[in-house]
PDB file of N, CA and C in Angstrom:
ATOM      1  N   UNK A   1      25.469  27.042  13.374  1.00  0.00           N
ATOM      2  CA  UNK A   1      25.081  25.851  12.643  1.00  0.00           C
ATOM      3  C   UNK A   1      25.518  26.002  11.196  1.00  0.00           C
ATOM      4  N   UNK A   2      26.184  25.001  10.675  1.00  0.00           N
ATOM      5  CA  UNK A   2      26.609  25.018   9.287  1.00  0.00           C
ATOM      6  C   UNK A   2      25.448  24.550   8.419  1.00  0.00           C
ATOM      7  N   UNK A   3      25.193  25.240   7.329  1.00  0.00           N
ATOM      8  CA  UNK A   3      24.088  24.881   6.443  1.00  0.00           C
ATOM      9  C   UNK A   3      24.609  24.467   5.084  1.00  0.00           C
ATOM     10  N   UNK A   4      23.742  23.805   4.327  1.00  0.00           N
ATOM     11  CA  UNK A   4      24.047  23.398   2.968  1.00  0.00           C
ATOM     12  C   UNK A   4      22.859  23.728   2.081  1.00  0.00           C
ATOM     13  N   UNK A   5      23.115  23.912   0.828  1.00  0.00           N
ATOM     14  CA  UNK A   5      22.062  24.192  -0.142  1.00  0.00           C
ATOM     15  C   UNK A   5      21.731  22.893  -0.873  1.00  0.00           C
ATOM     16  N   UNK A   6      20.446  22.599  -0.930  1.00  0.00           N
ATOM     17  CA  UNK A   6      19.970  21.417  -1.653  1.00  0.00           C
ATOM     18  C   UNK A   6      19.035  21.911  -2.749  1.00  0.00           C
ATOM     19  N   UNK A   7      19.279  21.501  -3.967  1.00  0.00           N
ATOM     20  CA  UNK A   7      18.465  21.952  -5.092  1.00  0.00           C
ATOM     21  C   UNK A   7      17.310  21.001  -5.327  1.00  0.00           C
ATOM     22  N   UNK A   8      16.119  21.592  -5.556  1.00  0.00           N
ATOM     23  CA  UNK A   8      14.927  20.814  -5.902  1.00  0.00           C
ATOM     24  C   UNK A   8      14.224  21.516  -7.052  1.00  0.00           C
ATOM     25  N   UNK A   9      13.361  20.788  -7.727  1.00  0.00           N
ATOM     26  CA  UNK A   9      12.625  21.406  -8.835  1.00  0.00           C
ATOM     27  C   UNK A   9      11.570  22.370  -8.284  1.00  0.00           C
ATOM     28  N   UNK A  10      11.008  23.206  -9.172  1.00  0.00           N
ATOM     29  CA  UNK A  10      10.067  24.248  -8.748  1.00  0.00           C
ATOM     30  C   UNK A  10       8.826  23.673  -8.087  1.00  0.00           C
ATOM     31  N   UNK A  11       8.313  22.578  -8.609  1.00  0.00           N
ATOM     32  CA  UNK A  11       7.098  21.980  -8.042  1.00  0.00           C
ATOM     33  C   UNK A  11       7.353  21.504  -6.617  1.00  0.00           C
ATOM     34  N   UNK A  12       8.491  20.868  -6.390  1.00  0.00           N
ATOM     35  CA  UNK A  12       8.831  20.392  -5.048  1.00  0.00           C
ATOM     36  C   UNK A  12       9.021  21.570  -4.102  1.00  0.00           C
ATOM     37  N   UNK A  13       9.690  22.611  -4.563  1.00  0.00           N
ATOM     38  CA  UNK A  13       9.899  23.804  -3.741  1.00  0.00           C
ATOM     39  C   UNK A  13       8.565  24.434  -3.362  1.00  0.00           C
ATOM     40  N   UNK A  14       7.656  24.533  -4.313  1.00  0.00           N
ATOM     41  CA  UNK A  14       6.336  25.111  -4.035  1.00  0.00           C
ATOM     42  C   UNK A  14       5.576  24.269  -3.016  1.00  0.00           C
ATOM     43  N   UNK A  15       5.652  22.958  -3.156  1.00  0.00           N
ATOM     44  CA  UNK A  15       4.979  22.056  -2.211  1.00  0.00           C
ATOM     45  C   UNK A  15       5.564  22.207  -0.816  1.00  0.00           C
ATOM     46  N   UNK A  16       6.884  22.257  -0.725  1.00  0.00           N
ATOM     47  CA  UNK A  16       7.526  22.428   0.580  1.00  0.00           C
ATOM     48  C   UNK A  16       7.132  23.762   1.222  1.00  0.00           C
ATOM     49  N   UNK A  17       7.093  24.806   0.435  1.00  0.00           N
ATOM     50  CA  UNK A  17       6.707  26.117   0.964  1.00  0.00           C
ATOM     51  C   UNK A  17       5.261  26.113   1.452  1.00  0.00           C
ATOM     52  N   UNK A  18       4.394  25.500   0.689  1.00  0.00           N
ATOM     53  CA  UNK A  18       2.978  25.424   1.069  1.00  0.00           C
ATOM     54  C   UNK A  18       2.801  24.631   2.352  1.00  0.00           C
ATOM     55  N   UNK A  19       3.424  23.472   2.416  1.00  0.00           N
ATOM     56  CA  UNK A  19       3.291  22.631   3.618  1.00  0.00           C
ATOM     57  C   UNK A  19       3.898  23.296   4.844  1.00  0.00           C
ATOM     58  N   UNK A  20       5.012  23.977   4.655  1.00  0.00           N
ATOM     59  CA  UNK A  20       5.639  24.689   5.775  1.00  0.00           C
ATOM     60  C   UNK A  20       4.704  25.795   6.270  1.00  0.00           C
ATOM     61  N   UNK A  21       4.118  26.541   5.340  1.00  0.00           N
ATOM     62  CA  UNK A  21       3.205  27.621   5.712  1.00  0.00           C
ATOM     63  C   UNK A  21       1.979  27.069   6.443  1.00  0.00           C
ATOM     64  N   UNK A  22       1.450  25.950   5.980  1.00  0.00           N
ATOM     65  CA  UNK A  22       0.297  25.335   6.637  1.00  0.00           C
ATOM     66  C   UNK A  22       0.604  24.958   8.082  1.00  0.00           C
ATOM     67  N   UNK A  23       1.840  24.567   8.331  1.00  0.00           N
ATOM     68  CA  UNK A  23       2.242  24.152   9.678  1.00  0.00           C
ATOM     69  C   UNK A  23       2.811  25.295  10.498  1.00  0.00           C
ATOM     70  N   UNK A  24       3.013  26.437   9.869  1.00  0.00           N
ATOM     71  CA  UNK A  24       3.544  27.594  10.584  1.00  0.00           C
ATOM     72  C   UNK A  24       5.019  27.476  10.915  1.00  0.00           C
ATOM     73  N   UNK A  25       5.771  26.789  10.039  1.00  0.00           N
ATOM     74  CA  UNK A  25       7.211  26.633  10.242  1.00  0.00           C
ATOM     75  C   UNK A  25       7.928  27.037   8.965  1.00  0.00           C
ATOM     76  N   UNK A  26       9.240  27.155   9.047  1.00  0.00           N
ATOM     77  CA  UNK A  26      10.021  27.469   7.851  1.00  0.00           C
ATOM     78  C   UNK A  26      10.233  26.179   7.040  1.00  0.00           C
ATOM     79  N   UNK A  27      10.633  26.343   5.806  1.00  0.00           N
ATOM     80  CA  UNK A  27      10.948  25.182   4.971  1.00  0.00           C
ATOM     81  C   UNK A  27      12.092  24.395   5.606  1.00  0.00           C
ATOM     82  N   UNK A  28      13.056  25.098   6.149  1.00  0.00           N
ATOM     83  CA  UNK A  28      14.186  24.443   6.818  1.00  0.00           C
ATOM     84  C   UNK A  28      13.698  23.565   7.961  1.00  0.00           C
ATOM     85  N   UNK A  29      12.796  24.106   8.784  1.00  0.00           N
ATOM     86  CA  UNK A  29      12.253  23.331   9.910  1.00  0.00           C
ATOM     87  C   UNK A  29      11.438  22.129   9.425  1.00  0.00           C
ATOM     88  N   UNK A  30      10.651  22.340   8.376  1.00  0.00           N
ATOM     89  CA  UNK A  30       9.848  21.253   7.828  1.00  0.00           C
ATOM     90  C   UNK A  30      10.731  20.117   7.328  1.00  0.00           C
ATOM     91  N   UNK A  31      11.751  20.447   6.563  1.00  0.00           N
ATOM     92  CA  UNK A  31      12.647  19.418   6.025  1.00  0.00           C
ATOM     93  C   UNK A  31      13.363  18.691   7.164  1.00  0.00           C
ATOM     94  N   UNK A  32      13.785  19.436   8.186  1.00  0.00           N
ATOM     95  CA  UNK A  32      14.444  18.801   9.335  1.00  0.00           C
ATOM     96  C   UNK A  32      13.502  17.828  10.026  1.00  0.00           C
ATOM     97  N   UNK A  33      12.225  18.218  10.203  1.00  0.00           N
ATOM     98  CA  UNK A  33      11.242  17.328  10.814  1.00  0.00           C
ATOM     99  C   UNK A  33      11.037  16.079   9.964  1.00  0.00           C
ATOM    100  N   UNK A  34      10.934  16.273   8.658  1.00  0.00           N
ATOM    101  CA  UNK A  34      10.734  15.134   7.761  1.00  0.00           C
ATOM    102  C   UNK A  34      11.916  14.172   7.813  1.00  0.00           C
ATOM    103  N   UNK A  35      13.106  14.715   7.875  1.00  0.00           N
ATOM    104  CA  UNK A  35      14.304  13.866   7.917  1.00  0.00           C
ATOM    105  C   UNK A  35      14.348  13.056   9.200  1.00  0.00           C
ATOM    106  N   UNK A  36      14.009  13.672  10.319  1.00  0.00           N
ATOM    107  CA  UNK A  36      14.008  12.960  11.600  1.00  0.00           C
ATOM    108  C   UNK A  36      12.901  11.922  11.610  1.00  0.00           C
ATOM    109  N   UNK A  37      11.704  12.311  11.154  1.00  0.00           N
ATOM    110  CA  UNK A  37      10.564  11.399  11.140  1.00  0.00           C
ATOM    111  C   UNK A  37      10.859  10.176  10.284  1.00  0.00           C
ATOM    112  N   UNK A  38      11.440  10.399   9.119  1.00  0.00           N
ATOM    113  CA  UNK A  38      11.711   9.308   8.190  1.00  0.00           C
ATOM    114  C   UNK A  38      12.771   8.350   8.715  1.00  0.00           C
ATOM    115  N   UNK A  39      13.709   8.857   9.508  1.00  0.00           N
ATOM    116  CA  UNK A  39      14.798   8.011   9.972  1.00  0.00           C
ATOM    117  C   UNK A  39      14.531   7.386  11.335  1.00  0.00           C
ATOM    118  N   UNK A  40      13.453   7.803  12.002  1.00  0.00           N
ATOM    119  CA  UNK A  40      13.153   7.271  13.331  1.00  0.00           C
ATOM    120  C   UNK A  40      12.730   5.803  13.223  1.00  0.00           C
ATOM    121  N   UNK A  41      13.334   4.950  14.037  1.00  0.00           N
ATOM    122  CA  UNK A  41      12.929   3.543  14.000  1.00  0.00           C
ATOM    123  C   UNK A  41      11.499   3.389  14.510  1.00  0.00           C
ATOM    124  N   UNK A  42      10.776   2.511  13.883  1.00  0.00           N
ATOM    125  CA  UNK A  42       9.398   2.254  14.274  1.00  0.00           C
ATOM    126  C   UNK A  42       9.382   1.003  15.136  1.00  0.00           C
ATOM    127  N   UNK A  43       8.881   1.166  16.354  1.00  0.00           N
ATOM    128  CA  UNK A  43       8.790   0.021  17.261  1.00  0.00           C
ATOM    129  C   UNK A  43       7.599  -0.838  16.849  1.00  0.00           C
ATOM    130  N   UNK A  44       7.857  -2.085  16.587  1.00  0.00           N
ATOM    131  CA  UNK A  44       6.809  -3.004  16.171  1.00  0.00           C
ATOM    132  C   UNK A  44       6.714  -4.118  17.198  1.00  0.00           C
ATOM    133  N   UNK A  45       5.542  -4.252  17.756  1.00  0.00           N
ATOM    134  CA  UNK A  45       5.286  -5.284  18.752  1.00  0.00           C
ATOM    135  C   UNK A  45       4.829  -6.544  18.018  1.00  0.00           C
ATOM    136  N   UNK A  46       5.491  -7.652  18.272  1.00  0.00           N
ATOM    137  CA  UNK A  46       5.147  -8.899  17.577  1.00  0.00           C
ATOM    138  C   UNK A  46       3.713  -9.325  17.873  1.00  0.00           C
ATOM    139  N   UNK A  47       3.203  -8.986  19.054  1.00  0.00           N
ATOM    140  CA  UNK A  47       1.812  -9.313  19.371  1.00  0.00           C
ATOM    141  C   UNK A  47       0.851  -8.498  18.510  1.00  0.00           C
ATOM    142  N   UNK A  48       1.201  -7.231  18.250  1.00  0.00           N
ATOM    143  CA  UNK A  48       0.370  -6.398  17.388  1.00  0.00           C
ATOM    144  C   UNK A  48       0.339  -6.961  15.971  1.00  0.00           C
ATOM    145  N   UNK A  49       1.484  -7.387  15.476  1.00  0.00           N
ATOM    146  CA  UNK A  49       1.555  -7.973  14.132  1.00  0.00           C
ATOM    147  C   UNK A  49       0.715  -9.245  14.072  1.00  0.00           C
ATOM    148  N   UNK A  50       0.819 -10.081  15.079  1.00  0.00           N
ATOM    149  CA  UNK A  50       0.040 -11.325  15.115  1.00  0.00           C
ATOM    150  C   UNK A  50      -1.459 -11.025  15.119  1.00  0.00           C
ATOM    151  N   UNK A  51      -1.857  -9.991  15.866  1.00  0.00           N
ATOM    152  CA  UNK A  51      -3.273  -9.607  15.909  1.00  0.00           C
ATOM    153  C   UNK A  51      -3.740  -9.106  14.547  1.00  0.00           C
ATOM    154  N   UNK A  52      -2.931  -8.289  13.900  1.00  0.00           N
ATOM    155  CA  UNK A  52      -3.294  -7.806  12.563  1.00  0.00           C
ATOM    156  C   UNK A  52      -3.418  -8.958  11.568  1.00  0.00           C
ATOM    157  N   UNK A  53      -2.507  -9.900  11.639  1.00  0.00           N
ATOM    158  CA  UNK A  53      -2.580 -11.060  10.746  1.00  0.00           C
ATOM    159  C   UNK A  53      -3.828 -11.895  11.026  1.00  0.00           C
ATOM    160  N   UNK A  54      -4.187 -12.052  12.305  1.00  0.00           N
ATOM    161  CA  UNK A  54      -5.394 -12.793  12.663  1.00  0.00           C
ATOM    162  C   UNK A  54      -6.626 -12.095  12.081  1.00  0.00           C
ATOM    163  N   UNK A  55      -6.656 -10.781  12.219  1.00  0.00           N
ATOM    164  CA  UNK A  55      -7.801 -10.027  11.687  1.00  0.00           C
ATOM    165  C   UNK A  55      -7.870 -10.104  10.171  1.00  0.00           C
ATOM    166  N   UNK A  56      -6.719 -10.043   9.511  1.00  0.00           N
ATOM    167  CA  UNK A  56      -6.714 -10.120   8.054  1.00  0.00           C
ATOM    168  C   UNK A  56      -7.216 -11.484   7.589  1.00  0.00           C
ATOM    169  N   UNK A  57      -6.847 -12.548   8.293  1.00  0.00           N
ATOM    170  CA  UNK A  57      -7.338 -13.886   7.945  1.00  0.00           C
ATOM    171  C   UNK A  57      -8.851 -13.954   8.076  1.00  0.00           C
ATOM    172  N   UNK A  58      -9.411 -13.240   9.055  1.00  0.00           N
ATOM    173  CA  UNK A  58     -10.867 -13.175   9.202  1.00  0.00           C
ATOM    174  C   UNK A  58     -11.490 -12.540   7.966  1.00  0.00           C
ATOM    175  N   UNK A  59     -10.895 -11.466   7.507  1.00  0.00           N
ATOM    176  CA  UNK A  59     -11.406 -10.786   6.312  1.00  0.00           C
ATOM    177  C   UNK A  59     -11.309 -11.708   5.102  1.00  0.00           C
ATOM    178  N   UNK A  60     -10.145 -12.328   4.924  1.00  0.00           N
ATOM    179  CA  UNK A  60      -9.943 -13.207   3.766  1.00  0.00           C
ATOM    180  C   UNK A  60     -10.872 -14.415   3.778  1.00  0.00           C
ATOM    181  N   UNK A  61     -11.242 -14.884   4.965  1.00  0.00           N
ATOM    182  CA  UNK A  61     -12.102 -16.069   5.054  1.00  0.00           C
ATOM    183  C   UNK A  61     -13.544 -15.759   4.690  1.00  0.00           C
ATOM    184  N   UNK A  62     -13.885 -14.481   4.627  1.00  0.00           N
ATOM    185  CA  UNK A  62     -15.247 -14.115   4.268  1.00  0.00           C
ATOM    186  C   UNK A  62     -16.178 -13.996   5.461  1.00  0.00           C
ATOM    187  N   UNK A  63     -15.650 -14.222   6.669  1.00  0.00           N
ATOM    188  CA  UNK A  63     -16.495 -14.073   7.856  1.00  0.00           C
ATOM    189  C   UNK A  63     -16.885 -12.610   8.025  1.00  0.00           C
ATOM    190  N   UNK A  64     -17.951 -12.391   8.755  1.00  0.00           N
ATOM    191  CA  UNK A  64     -18.466 -11.037   8.956  1.00  0.00           C
ATOM    192  C   UNK A  64     -17.441 -10.159   9.675  1.00  0.00           C
ATOM    193  N   UNK A  65     -17.360  -8.927   9.241  1.00  0.00           N
ATOM    194  CA  UNK A  65     -16.498  -7.937   9.884  1.00  0.00           C
ATOM    195  C   UNK A  65     -17.372  -6.769  10.303  1.00  0.00           C
ATOM    196  N   UNK A  66     -16.786  -5.776  10.931  1.00  0.00           N
ATOM    197  CA  UNK A  66     -17.547  -4.613  11.383  1.00  0.00           C
ATOM    198  C   UNK A  66     -17.861  -3.709  10.199  1.00  0.00           C
ATOM    199  N   UNK A  67     -19.077  -3.183  10.152  1.00  0.00           N
ATOM    200  CA  UNK A  67     -19.422  -2.259   9.066  1.00  0.00           C
ATOM    201  C   UNK A  67     -18.565  -0.999   9.124  1.00  0.00           C
ATOM    202  N   UNK A  68     -18.264  -0.482   7.965  1.00  0.00           N
ATOM    203  CA  UNK A  68     -17.446   0.718   7.832  1.00  0.00           C
ATOM    204  C   UNK A  68     -17.983   1.859   8.696  1.00  0.00           C
ATOM    205  N   UNK A  69     -19.289   2.081   8.663  1.00  0.00           N
ATOM    206  CA  UNK A  69     -19.901   3.180   9.396  1.00  0.00           C
ATOM    207  C   UNK A  69     -19.652   3.054  10.898  1.00  0.00           C
ATOM    208  N   UNK A  70     -19.676   1.834  11.423  1.00  0.00           N
ATOM    209  CA  UNK A  70     -19.422   1.621  12.845  1.00  0.00           C
ATOM    210  C   UNK A  70     -17.986   2.003  13.206  1.00  0.00           C
ATOM    211  N   UNK A  71     -17.055   1.636  12.342  1.00  0.00           N
ATOM    212  CA  UNK A  71     -15.651   1.967  12.584  1.00  0.00           C
ATOM    213  C   UNK A  71     -15.453   3.474  12.497  1.00  0.00           C
ATOM    214  N   UNK A  72     -16.075   4.126  11.524  1.00  0.00           N
ATOM    215  CA  UNK A  72     -15.949   5.577  11.368  1.00  0.00           C
ATOM    216  C   UNK A  72     -16.486   6.286  12.606  1.00  0.00           C
ATOM    217  N   UNK A  73     -17.643   5.858  13.119  1.00  0.00           N
ATOM    218  CA  UNK A  73     -18.187   6.477  14.333  1.00  0.00           C
ATOM    219  C   UNK A  73     -17.199   6.354  15.488  1.00  0.00           C
ATOM    220  N   UNK A  74     -16.577   5.189  15.625  1.00  0.00           N
ATOM    221  CA  UNK A  74     -15.605   4.979  16.696  1.00  0.00           C
ATOM    222  C   UNK A  74     -14.370   5.857  16.492  1.00  0.00           C
ATOM    223  N   UNK A  75     -13.865   5.928  15.265  1.00  0.00           N
ATOM    224  CA  UNK A  75     -12.683   6.750  14.983  1.00  0.00           C
ATOM    225  C   UNK A  75     -12.940   8.215  15.308  1.00  0.00           C
ATOM    226  N   UNK A  76     -14.143   8.675  15.093  1.00  0.00           N
ATOM    227  CA  UNK A  76     -14.464  10.085  15.368  1.00  0.00           C
ATOM    228  C   UNK A  76     -14.420  10.408  16.854  1.00  0.00           C
ATOM    229  N   UNK A  77     -14.430   9.401  17.713  1.00  0.00           N
ATOM    230  CA  UNK A  77     -14.339   9.654  19.154  1.00  0.00           C
ATOM    231  C   UNK A  77     -12.896   9.820  19.623  1.00  0.00           C
ATOM    232  N   UNK A  78     -11.926   9.472  18.780  1.00  0.00           N
ATOM    233  CA  UNK A  78     -10.517   9.573  19.185  1.00  0.00           C
ATOM    234  C   UNK A  78     -10.222  11.002  19.617  1.00  0.00           C
ATOM    235  N   UNK A  79      -9.541  11.141  20.736  1.00  0.00           N
ATOM    236  CA  UNK A  79      -9.154  12.450  21.232  1.00  0.00           C
ATOM    237  C   UNK A  79     -10.283  13.204  21.911  1.00  0.00           C
ATOM    238  N   UNK A  80     -11.420  12.558  22.118  1.00  0.00           N
ATOM    239  CA  UNK A  80     -12.548  13.198  22.787  1.00  0.00           C
ATOM    240  C   UNK A  80     -12.837  12.462  24.090  1.00  0.00           C
ATOM    241  N   UNK A  81     -13.616  13.072  24.982  1.00  0.00           N
ATOM    242  CA  UNK A  81     -13.986  12.385  26.228  1.00  0.00           C
ATOM    243  C   UNK A  81     -14.824  11.130  25.975  1.00  0.00           C
ATOM    244  N   UNK A  82     -15.460  11.047  24.813  1.00  0.00           N
ATOM    245  CA  UNK A  82     -16.302   9.887  24.493  1.00  0.00           C
ATOM    246  C   UNK A  82     -15.495   8.666  24.061  1.00  0.00           C
ATOM    247  N   UNK A  83     -14.182   8.828  23.845  1.00  0.00           N
ATOM    248  CA  UNK A  83     -13.377   7.710  23.351  1.00  0.00           C
ATOM    249  C   UNK A  83     -13.353   6.549  24.338  1.00  0.00           C
ATOM    250  N   UNK A  84     -13.533   5.359  23.820  1.00  0.00           N
ATOM    251  CA  UNK A  84     -13.377   4.103  24.564  1.00  0.00           C
ATOM    252  C   UNK A  84     -12.597   3.168  23.661  1.00  0.00           C
ATOM    253  N   UNK A  85     -11.782   2.321  24.248  1.00  0.00           N
ATOM    254  CA  UNK A  85     -11.094   1.314  23.437  1.00  0.00           C
ATOM    255  C   UNK A  85     -12.163   0.500  22.707  1.00  0.00           C
ATOM    256  N   UNK A  86     -11.791  -0.070  21.580  1.00  0.00           N
ATOM    257  CA  UNK A  86     -12.766  -0.772  20.740  1.00  0.00           C
ATOM    258  C   UNK A  86     -13.581  -1.782  21.527  1.00  0.00           C
ATOM    259  N   UNK A  87     -12.929  -2.575  22.353  1.00  0.00           N
ATOM    260  CA  UNK A  87     -13.639  -3.622  23.094  1.00  0.00           C
ATOM    261  C   UNK A  87     -14.384  -3.098  24.312  1.00  0.00           C
ATOM    262  N   UNK A  88     -14.206  -1.807  24.628  1.00  0.00           N
ATOM    263  CA  UNK A  88     -14.876  -1.209  25.779  1.00  0.00           C
ATOM    264  C   UNK A  88     -16.060  -0.337  25.385  1.00  0.00           C
ATOM    265  N   UNK A  89     -16.278  -0.168  24.103  1.00  0.00           N
ATOM    266  CA  UNK A  89     -17.332   0.751  23.679  1.00  0.00           C
ATOM    267  C   UNK A  89     -18.702   0.160  23.842  1.00  0.00           C
TER     268      UNK A  89
END
């Protein structure tokens, strides 16, 4: 594999080293992951966008929304056996 040297300031280098160490990868691997992640196209479903816009209009209209604490409790179930979709909880 052919490599190239990219110069960064000391603060950026320190941040990259710290983040790489936190993830257990080399700086080279971290930068490669970041480059791929940043360039990956994001699939956007028009129905999802329409739903988000509908919800935002609800907020802007002043109608009641879900309390923050209720949403936080639900988010904490993500990745656990207790997780249920929002409308199934």
